[in-house]
Protein backbone atom coordinates (compact mmCIF):
# COMPACT_ATOMS: atom_id res chain seq x y z
CA MET A 1 5.96 0.44 -2.68
CA ILE A 2 7.40 2.07 0.42
CA ILE A 3 5.76 5.37 -0.50
CA TRP A 4 2.39 3.61 -0.86
CA ALA A 5 2.91 2.04 2.57
CA ILE A 6 3.59 5.43 4.13
CA ASN A 7 0.51 6.89 2.44
CA LEU A 8 -1.59 3.99 3.73
CA LEU A 9 -0.20 4.52 7.23
CA VAL A 10 -1.14 8.22 7.13
CA LEU A 11 -4.62 7.27 5.91
CA ALA A 12 -5.01 4.75 8.75
CA ILE A 13 -3.97 7.34 11.34
CA GLY A 14 -6.40 9.87 9.86
CA ILE A 15 -9.27 7.38 9.85
CA LEU A 16 -8.51 6.39 13.43
CA ALA A 17 -8.32 9.99 14.66
CA VAL A 18 -11.49 11.14 12.92
CA GLY A 19 -13.35 7.93 13.72
CA LEU A 20 -12.61 8.04 17.42
CA ILE A 21 -13.72 11.66 17.69
CA LYS A 22 -16.75 11.61 15.36
CA PRO A 23 -17.59 8.08 14.13
CA LYS A 24 -20.76 9.40 12.46
CA TRP A 25 -18.62 11.25 9.88
CA LEU A 26 -17.07 8.04 8.57
CA LEU A 27 -19.98 5.67 9.14
CA PHE A 28 -22.66 8.05 7.89
CA TRP A 29 -24.92 5.25 6.60
CA MET A 30 -25.30 3.67 10.06
CA ASP A 31 -27.88 4.77 12.64
CA GLN A 32 -25.67 3.93 15.62
CA PRO A 33 -22.02 4.01 14.47
CA ASN A 34 -19.62 2.08 16.65
CA ARG A 35 -16.01 3.04 17.38
CA PHE A 36 -15.07 -0.64 17.40
CA ILE A 37 -15.60 -0.78 13.62
CA ILE A 38 -13.31 2.22 13.14
CA VAL A 39 -10.61 0.61 15.27
CA GLY A 40 -10.94 -2.64 13.31
CA VAL A 41 -10.61 -0.90 9.94
CA SER A 42 -7.62 1.09 11.21
CA VAL A 43 -5.90 -2.05 12.49
CA ILE A 44 -6.37 -3.75 9.12
CA LEU A 45 -4.93 -0.70 7.35
CA PHE A 46 -1.98 -0.58 9.80
CA MET A 47 -1.22 -4.26 9.10
CA ALA A 48 -1.46 -3.74 5.34
CA ALA A 49 0.91 -0.77 5.57
CA ALA A 50 3.38 -2.78 7.66
CA ILE A 51 3.33 -5.67 5.19
CA MET A 52 3.78 -3.32 2.24
CA PHE A 53 6.66 -1.55 3.98
CA GLY A 54 8.36 -4.84 4.79
CA GLU A 55 8.03 -6.14 1.25
CA GLY A 56 9.27 -2.83 -0.12
CA THR A 57 12.42 -2.90 1.99
CA LYS A 58 13.01 -6.59 1.22
CA GLN A 59 13.24 -5.83 -2.51
CA GLY A 60 16.61 -4.19 -1.95
CA GLY A 61 17.10 -1.35 -4.40
CA SER A 62 14.59 1.22 -5.40
CA LEU A 63 12.77 1.03 -8.71
CA SER A 64 14.89 3.79 -10.24
CA GLU A 65 18.04 1.75 -9.59
CA VAL A 66 16.51 -1.27 -11.28
CA VAL A 67 15.50 0.77 -14.33
CA GLN A 68 18.94 2.36 -14.67
CA SER A 69 20.85 -0.93 -14.48
CA GLU A 70 23.33 -1.77 -17.22
CA LYS A 71 21.78 -5.13 -18.14
CA PRO A 72 20.90 -5.35 -21.83
CA ALA A 73 17.38 -6.28 -22.75
CA ALA A 74 16.73 -9.76 -24.14
CA THR A 75 16.53 -9.36 -27.92
CA GLU A 76 16.79 -12.99 -29.00
CA THR A 77 14.18 -14.02 -31.57
CA PRO A 78 12.98 -17.59 -32.11
CA ASP A 79 14.31 -19.39 -35.18
CA ASP A 80 10.91 -19.77 -36.78
CA LEU A 81 10.36 -15.99 -36.76
CA ALA A 82 13.82 -15.04 -38.07
CA GLN A 83 13.93 -14.55 -41.83
């Protein structure tokens, strides 16, 4: 999840940079594109990236550590299915 957060952060920075220079490129369907819309979208993406990064670091270990753990899988079958 941390990698997705970093990718989203890079996307937000790219949208902000391009949108502040040439807002017509991103808002091509509008007659009079506004930079305020670009800033708003970038702020929302920055917040989403920050939340994703925080949740990713709160999980503790990475996904590869969880997969490689030594816990056995639950293999118990219900009594009505056992023959």
